[in-house]
Amino acid sequence: MFKELGNIASLLRQAQQFSGKMQAINERLKGQRVTASTGGGMVEVEANGLGEVLRVRIEPTLVERGEREMIEDLLPSAVNQALAKAKKCHYEAMKSITDGLNFPGLDEALSKWSEPDDDDPDQDSKPV
């Protein structure tokens, strides 16, 4: 019985450590920036590591020429690429703080929740 209490106390300590690390990671991710562009740079999206879109830049000539359909095609692609990069930043940050924590099933849950798609070449870019 005392061994079980020790295990519970250990888990509680780990949970408290994890909570503090999560707050620090969220602050760091909020300050990280990733960008993605489509159409040869005609549309560019900047997001932070939390996946919040911060800025969208559309080539002025697209607007001047009334290229609404092209903008509508390029914008979602750029947003999705930026969010995929932000997700990768988030995954890497989460992986760094969970190393050494001994929660049953944590690694498996983390990998299912946020592991980047290794088949997507756009996700190989480094965050800016």
N, C-alpha and C. Protein backbone atom coordinates (compact mmCIF):
# COMPACT_ATOMS: atom_id res chain seq x y z
N MET A 1 0.82 -1.19 0.00
CA MET A 1 0.00 0.00 0.00
C MET A 1 0.87 1.26 0.00
N PHE A 2 1.95 1.29 0.79
CA PHE A 2 2.81 2.46 0.83
C PHE A 2 3.53 2.68 -0.49
N LYS A 3 3.82 1.58 -1.18
CA LYS A 3 4.46 1.71 -2.49
C LYS A 3 3.53 2.40 -3.47
N GLU A 4 2.24 2.07 -3.41
CA GLU A 4 1.26 2.71 -4.29
C GLU A 4 1.14 4.19 -3.98
N LEU A 5 1.18 4.56 -2.71
CA LEU A 5 1.13 5.98 -2.33
C LEU A 5 2.35 6.72 -2.86
N GLY A 6 3.49 6.06 -2.82
CA GLY A 6 4.71 6.67 -3.37
C GLY A 6 4.60 6.89 -4.86
N ASN A 7 3.99 5.93 -5.56
CA ASN A 7 3.79 6.07 -7.01
C ASN A 7 2.84 7.23 -7.32
N ILE A 8 1.79 7.35 -6.52
CA ILE A 8 0.83 8.44 -6.73
C ILE A 8 1.50 9.78 -6.45
N ALA A 9 2.27 9.86 -5.41
CA ALA A 9 2.99 11.11 -5.09
C ALA A 9 3.96 11.47 -6.20
N SER A 10 4.62 10.47 -6.75
CA SER A 10 5.54 10.71 -7.85
C SER A 10 4.80 11.23 -9.08
N LEU A 11 3.66 10.64 -9.37
CA LEU A 11 2.85 11.10 -10.50
C LEU A 11 2.37 12.53 -10.29
N LEU A 12 1.98 12.87 -9.09
CA LEU A 12 1.53 14.23 -8.79
C LEU A 12 2.66 15.24 -8.97
N ARG A 13 3.85 14.89 -8.52
CA ARG A 13 5.02 15.77 -8.72
C ARG A 13 5.29 15.97 -10.20
N GLN A 14 5.24 14.87 -10.95
CA GLN A 14 5.47 14.97 -12.39
C GLN A 14 4.40 15.84 -13.06
N ALA A 15 3.16 15.71 -12.63
CA ALA A 15 2.08 16.52 -13.19
C ALA A 15 2.31 18.01 -12.91
N GLN A 16 2.77 18.34 -11.71
CA GLN A 16 3.05 19.74 -11.38
C GLN A 16 4.20 20.27 -12.24
N GLN A 17 5.25 19.47 -12.40
CA GLN A 17 6.37 19.87 -13.25
C GLN A 17 5.91 20.09 -14.68
N PHE A 18 5.08 19.19 -15.16
CA PHE A 18 4.59 19.26 -16.53
C PHE A 18 3.75 20.53 -16.73
N SER A 19 2.93 20.85 -15.77
CA SER A 19 2.08 22.04 -15.86
C SER A 19 2.93 23.31 -15.98
N GLY A 20 3.95 23.42 -15.16
CA GLY A 20 4.84 24.57 -15.23
C GLY A 20 5.58 24.65 -16.55
N LYS A 21 6.02 23.50 -17.03
CA LYS A 21 6.72 23.47 -18.32
C LYS A 21 5.78 23.84 -19.46
N MET A 22 4.52 23.41 -19.37
CA MET A 22 3.54 23.74 -20.40
C MET A 22 3.34 25.25 -20.52
N GLN A 23 3.26 25.92 -19.40
CA GLN A 23 3.09 27.37 -19.44
C GLN A 23 4.28 28.03 -20.12
N ALA A 24 5.47 27.58 -19.80
CA ALA A 24 6.68 28.15 -20.41
C ALA A 24 6.72 27.85 -21.91
N ILE A 25 6.35 26.64 -22.28
CA ILE A 25 6.34 26.26 -23.70
C ILE A 25 5.34 27.10 -24.47
N ASN A 26 4.15 27.30 -23.91
CA ASN A 26 3.14 28.10 -24.61
C ASN A 26 3.62 29.53 -24.84
N GLU A 27 4.32 30.10 -23.87
CA GLU A 27 4.87 31.44 -24.06
C GLU A 27 5.93 31.44 -25.15
N ARG A 28 6.78 30.42 -25.16
CA ARG A 28 7.81 30.33 -26.19
C ARG A 28 7.18 30.16 -27.57
N LEU A 29 6.19 29.28 -27.67
CA LEU A 29 5.53 29.04 -28.95
C LEU A 29 4.81 30.29 -29.46
N LYS A 30 4.27 31.06 -28.55
CA LYS A 30 3.59 32.29 -28.94
C LYS A 30 4.55 33.27 -29.61
N GLY A 31 5.82 33.21 -29.21
CA GLY A 31 6.83 34.09 -29.79
C GLY A 31 7.50 33.55 -31.04
N GLN A 32 7.35 32.26 -31.31
CA GLN A 32 7.96 31.68 -32.52
C GLN A 32 7.15 32.06 -33.74
N ARG A 33 7.83 32.20 -34.87
CA ARG A 33 7.18 32.55 -36.12
C ARG A 33 7.52 31.53 -37.20
N VAL A 34 6.51 31.18 -37.97
CA VAL A 34 6.69 30.33 -39.14
C VAL A 34 6.00 31.03 -40.30
N THR A 35 6.53 30.83 -41.50
CA THR A 35 5.90 31.40 -42.68
C THR A 35 5.77 30.34 -43.76
N ALA A 36 4.80 30.56 -44.61
CA ALA A 36 4.61 29.69 -45.77
C ALA A 36 4.10 30.56 -46.90
N SER A 37 4.49 30.18 -48.11
CA SER A 37 4.01 30.94 -49.26
C SER A 37 3.61 29.99 -50.38
N THR A 38 2.71 30.47 -51.22
CA THR A 38 2.25 29.70 -52.37
C THR A 38 2.25 30.60 -53.58
N GLY A 39 2.15 29.97 -54.74
CA GLY A 39 2.11 30.74 -55.97
C GLY A 39 3.39 31.50 -56.23
N GLY A 40 4.51 30.88 -55.90
CA GLY A 40 5.79 31.55 -56.11
C GLY A 40 5.95 32.80 -55.26
N GLY A 41 5.34 32.81 -54.08
CA GLY A 41 5.46 33.94 -53.17
C GLY A 41 4.35 34.97 -53.34
N MET A 42 3.36 34.67 -54.17
CA MET A 42 2.28 35.64 -54.36
C MET A 42 1.40 35.77 -53.12
N VAL A 43 1.29 34.70 -52.34
CA VAL A 43 0.54 34.74 -51.09
C VAL A 43 1.45 34.19 -50.00
N GLU A 44 1.56 34.93 -48.92
CA GLU A 44 2.42 34.52 -47.81
C GLU A 44 1.64 34.64 -46.51
N VAL A 45 1.80 33.64 -45.65
CA VAL A 45 1.10 33.62 -44.36
C VAL A 45 2.14 33.43 -43.27
N GLU A 46 2.00 34.21 -42.21
CA GLU A 46 2.86 34.08 -41.03
C GLU A 46 1.98 33.66 -39.86
N ALA A 47 2.46 32.68 -39.11
CA ALA A 47 1.74 32.20 -37.93
C ALA A 47 2.73 32.07 -36.79
N ASN A 48 2.21 31.93 -35.58
CA ASN A 48 3.10 31.65 -34.46
C ASN A 48 3.08 30.16 -34.15
N GLY A 49 3.89 29.74 -33.20
CA GLY A 49 4.00 28.33 -32.87
C GLY A 49 2.75 27.73 -32.25
N LEU A 50 1.81 28.58 -31.85
CA LEU A 50 0.54 28.09 -31.31
C LEU A 50 -0.49 27.85 -32.42
N GLY A 51 -0.12 28.21 -33.66
CA GLY A 51 -1.04 28.01 -34.78
C GLY A 51 -1.97 29.19 -35.00
N GLU A 52 -1.64 30.33 -34.45
CA GLU A 52 -2.44 31.54 -34.67
C GLU A 52 -1.88 32.28 -35.88
N VAL A 53 -2.73 32.53 -36.88
CA VAL A 53 -2.31 33.27 -38.06
C VAL A 53 -2.13 34.73 -37.65
N LEU A 54 -0.94 35.27 -37.94
CA LEU A 54 -0.61 36.63 -37.52
C LEU A 54 -0.66 37.64 -38.66
N ARG A 55 -0.33 37.16 -39.87
CA ARG A 55 -0.23 38.09 -40.98
C ARG A 55 -0.46 37.34 -42.28
N VAL A 56 -1.13 37.99 -43.21
CA VAL A 56 -1.31 37.47 -44.56
C VAL A 56 -0.88 38.57 -45.52
N ARG A 57 -0.03 38.20 -46.47
CA ARG A 57 0.40 39.16 -47.49
C ARG A 57 0.00 38.60 -48.85
N ILE A 58 -0.71 39.43 -49.62
CA ILE A 58 -1.13 39.05 -50.97
C ILE A 58 -0.46 40.00 -51.94
N GLU A 59 0.17 39.45 -52.95
CA GLU A 59 0.85 40.25 -53.97
C GLU A 59 -0.13 41.28 -54.52
N PRO A 60 0.23 42.55 -54.46
CA PRO A 60 -0.70 43.60 -54.91
C PRO A 60 -1.18 43.43 -56.35
N THR A 61 -0.34 42.87 -57.21
CA THR A 61 -0.77 42.72 -58.61
C THR A 61 -1.93 41.74 -58.74
N LEU A 62 -2.02 40.75 -57.84
CA LEU A 62 -3.17 39.83 -57.87
C LEU A 62 -4.47 40.59 -57.60
N VAL A 63 -4.41 41.51 -56.67
CA VAL A 63 -5.59 42.29 -56.33
C VAL A 63 -5.91 43.26 -57.46
N GLU A 64 -4.88 43.92 -57.98
CA GLU A 64 -5.07 44.90 -59.07
C GLU A 64 -5.69 44.26 -60.31
N ARG A 65 -5.28 43.03 -60.60
CA ARG A 65 -5.80 42.33 -61.79
C ARG A 65 -7.14 41.65 -61.50
N GLY A 66 -7.60 41.71 -60.27
CA GLY A 66 -8.87 41.09 -59.93
C GLY A 66 -8.82 39.57 -59.97
N GLU A 67 -7.71 39.00 -59.54
CA GLU A 67 -7.51 37.55 -59.56
C GLU A 67 -8.11 36.89 -58.32
N ARG A 68 -9.40 37.12 -58.11
CA ARG A 68 -10.08 36.61 -56.93
C ARG A 68 -9.97 35.09 -56.81
N GLU A 69 -10.21 34.37 -57.90
CA GLU A 69 -10.18 32.91 -57.85
C GLU A 69 -8.79 32.39 -57.50
N MET A 70 -7.76 33.03 -58.04
CA MET A 70 -6.39 32.60 -57.73
C MET A 70 -6.09 32.85 -56.26
N ILE A 71 -6.50 34.01 -55.76
CA ILE A 71 -6.29 34.30 -54.33
C ILE A 71 -7.01 33.27 -53.48
N GLU A 72 -8.24 32.95 -53.86
CA GLU A 72 -9.03 31.97 -53.11
C GLU A 72 -8.39 30.58 -53.14
N ASP A 73 -7.67 30.26 -54.21
CA ASP A 73 -6.97 28.98 -54.28
C ASP A 73 -5.67 28.99 -53.48
N LEU A 74 -4.92 30.08 -53.57
CA LEU A 74 -3.59 30.16 -52.95
C LEU A 74 -3.66 30.36 -51.44
N LEU A 75 -4.62 31.13 -50.98
CA LEU A 75 -4.68 31.47 -49.56
C LEU A 75 -4.87 30.26 -48.65
N PRO A 76 -5.83 29.38 -48.90
CA PRO A 76 -5.96 28.21 -48.00
C PRO A 76 -4.71 27.33 -47.99
N SER A 77 -4.08 27.20 -49.14
CA SER A 77 -2.86 26.39 -49.20
C SER A 77 -1.76 26.98 -48.33
N ALA A 78 -1.56 28.28 -48.43
CA ALA A 78 -0.53 28.94 -47.62
C ALA A 78 -0.86 28.85 -46.14
N VAL A 79 -2.13 29.04 -45.79
CA VAL A 79 -2.54 28.94 -44.38
C VAL A 79 -2.29 27.53 -43.87
N ASN A 80 -2.68 26.53 -44.64
CA ASN A 80 -2.49 25.14 -44.20
C ASN A 80 -1.02 24.79 -44.04
N GLN A 81 -0.16 25.28 -44.93
CA GLN A 81 1.27 25.03 -44.81
C GLN A 81 1.84 25.70 -43.56
N ALA A 82 1.42 26.93 -43.30
CA ALA A 82 1.91 27.63 -42.11
C ALA A 82 1.44 26.92 -40.84
N LEU A 83 0.19 26.47 -40.83
CA LEU A 83 -0.32 25.76 -39.65
C LEU A 83 0.37 24.42 -39.46
N ALA A 84 0.73 23.75 -40.56
CA ALA A 84 1.47 22.49 -40.44
C ALA A 84 2.85 22.73 -39.84
N LYS A 85 3.49 23.83 -40.22
CA LYS A 85 4.79 24.17 -39.64
C LYS A 85 4.65 24.51 -38.15
N ALA A 86 3.57 25.23 -37.81
CA ALA A 86 3.33 25.56 -36.40
C ALA A 86 3.07 24.29 -35.60
N LYS A 87 2.35 23.36 -36.19
CA LYS A 87 2.06 22.08 -35.51
C LYS A 87 3.36 21.32 -35.26
N LYS A 88 4.28 21.39 -36.21
CA LYS A 88 5.57 20.73 -36.04
C LYS A 88 6.36 21.37 -34.89
N CYS A 89 6.33 22.70 -34.82
CA CYS A 89 6.99 23.41 -33.70
C CYS A 89 6.37 22.97 -32.38
N HIS A 90 5.05 22.87 -32.36
CA HIS A 90 4.35 22.48 -31.14
C HIS A 90 4.71 21.05 -30.75
N TYR A 91 4.75 20.16 -31.72
CA TYR A 91 5.11 18.76 -31.47
C TYR A 91 6.51 18.67 -30.87
N GLU A 92 7.46 19.38 -31.49
CA GLU A 92 8.84 19.33 -31.01
C GLU A 92 8.95 19.90 -29.59
N ALA A 93 8.21 20.96 -29.31
CA ALA A 93 8.23 21.54 -27.96
C ALA A 93 7.64 20.57 -26.95
N MET A 94 6.53 19.96 -27.30
CA MET A 94 5.90 19.00 -26.40
C MET A 94 6.81 17.80 -26.16
N LYS A 95 7.45 17.34 -27.21
CA LYS A 95 8.36 16.19 -27.08
C LYS A 95 9.51 16.54 -26.14
N SER A 96 10.00 17.78 -26.22
CA SER A 96 11.13 18.17 -25.37
C SER A 96 10.75 18.21 -23.89
N ILE A 97 9.52 18.59 -23.58
CA ILE A 97 9.16 18.67 -22.16
C ILE A 97 8.67 17.36 -21.59
N THR A 98 8.28 16.43 -22.45
CA THR A 98 7.80 15.15 -21.93
C THR A 98 8.91 14.12 -21.80
N ASP A 99 10.09 14.42 -22.35
CA ASP A 99 11.21 13.49 -22.17
C ASP A 99 11.51 13.35 -20.68
N GLY A 100 11.57 12.14 -20.21
CA GLY A 100 11.86 11.88 -18.82
C GLY A 100 10.64 11.75 -17.93
N LEU A 101 9.48 12.19 -18.42
CA LEU A 101 8.26 12.01 -17.63
C LEU A 101 7.75 10.59 -17.84
N ASN A 102 7.26 10.01 -16.79
CA ASN A 102 6.85 8.61 -16.85
C ASN A 102 5.34 8.48 -16.65
N PHE A 103 4.58 9.05 -17.59
CA PHE A 103 3.13 8.87 -17.58
C PHE A 103 2.80 7.72 -18.51
N PRO A 104 2.08 6.73 -18.03
CA PRO A 104 1.72 5.61 -18.90
C PRO A 104 0.94 6.09 -20.12
N GLY A 105 1.39 5.71 -21.31
CA GLY A 105 0.70 6.05 -22.55
C GLY A 105 0.96 7.44 -23.08
N LEU A 106 1.80 8.25 -22.40
CA LEU A 106 2.03 9.63 -22.81
C LEU A 106 2.68 9.72 -24.18
N ASP A 107 3.73 8.94 -24.41
CA ASP A 107 4.41 9.00 -25.70
C ASP A 107 3.48 8.63 -26.85
N GLU A 108 2.69 7.60 -26.63
CA GLU A 108 1.76 7.16 -27.68
C GLU A 108 0.71 8.24 -27.96
N ALA A 109 0.17 8.83 -26.91
CA ALA A 109 -0.84 9.87 -27.08
C ALA A 109 -0.26 11.09 -27.78
N LEU A 110 0.93 11.47 -27.40
CA LEU A 110 1.57 12.63 -27.99
C LEU A 110 1.83 12.40 -29.48
N SER A 111 2.31 11.22 -29.83
CA SER A 111 2.60 10.96 -31.23
C SER A 111 1.33 10.93 -32.08
N LYS A 112 0.25 10.41 -31.55
CA LYS A 112 -1.01 10.39 -32.30
C LYS A 112 -1.61 11.78 -32.43
N TRP A 113 -1.43 12.58 -31.39
CA TRP A 113 -2.05 13.89 -31.37
C TRP A 113 -1.35 14.89 -32.26
N SER A 114 -0.02 14.87 -32.26
CA SER A 114 0.66 15.99 -32.89
C SER A 114 1.87 15.64 -33.74
N GLU A 115 2.08 14.40 -34.03
CA GLU A 115 3.25 14.06 -34.83
C GLU A 115 3.08 14.56 -36.25
N PRO A 116 4.07 15.28 -36.79
CA PRO A 116 3.96 15.80 -38.15
C PRO A 116 3.95 14.67 -39.17
N ASP A 117 3.38 14.97 -40.33
CA ASP A 117 3.31 14.01 -41.42
C ASP A 117 4.65 13.99 -42.14
N ASP A 118 5.41 12.93 -41.98
CA ASP A 118 6.75 12.84 -42.57
C ASP A 118 6.72 12.78 -44.09
N ASP A 119 5.56 12.48 -44.67
CA ASP A 119 5.46 12.41 -46.12
C ASP A 119 5.24 13.77 -46.76
N ASP A 120 4.99 14.82 -45.98
CA ASP A 120 4.71 16.13 -46.51
C ASP A 120 6.00 16.92 -46.63
N PRO A 121 6.48 17.18 -47.85
CA PRO A 121 7.75 17.88 -48.02
C PRO A 121 7.70 19.32 -47.54
N ASP A 122 6.51 19.94 -47.51
CA ASP A 122 6.41 21.33 -47.07
C ASP A 122 6.69 21.47 -45.58
N GLN A 123 6.57 20.39 -44.82
CA GLN A 123 6.78 20.46 -43.38
C GLN A 123 8.25 20.35 -43.01
N ASP A 124 9.11 20.14 -43.98
CA ASP A 124 10.53 20.02 -43.68
C ASP A 124 11.20 21.36 -43.51
N SER A 125 10.53 22.43 -43.88
CA SER A 125 11.11 23.76 -43.77
C SER A 125 11.31 24.12 -42.31
N LYS A 126 12.36 24.89 -42.08
CA LYS A 126 12.66 25.35 -40.73
C LYS A 126 11.78 26.54 -40.40
N PRO A 127 11.29 26.63 -39.17
CA PRO A 127 10.54 27.82 -38.77
C PRO A 127 11.45 29.04 -38.78
N VAL A 128 10.88 30.19 -39.04
CA VAL A 128 11.66 31.44 -39.04
C VAL A 128 11.53 32.13 -37.72
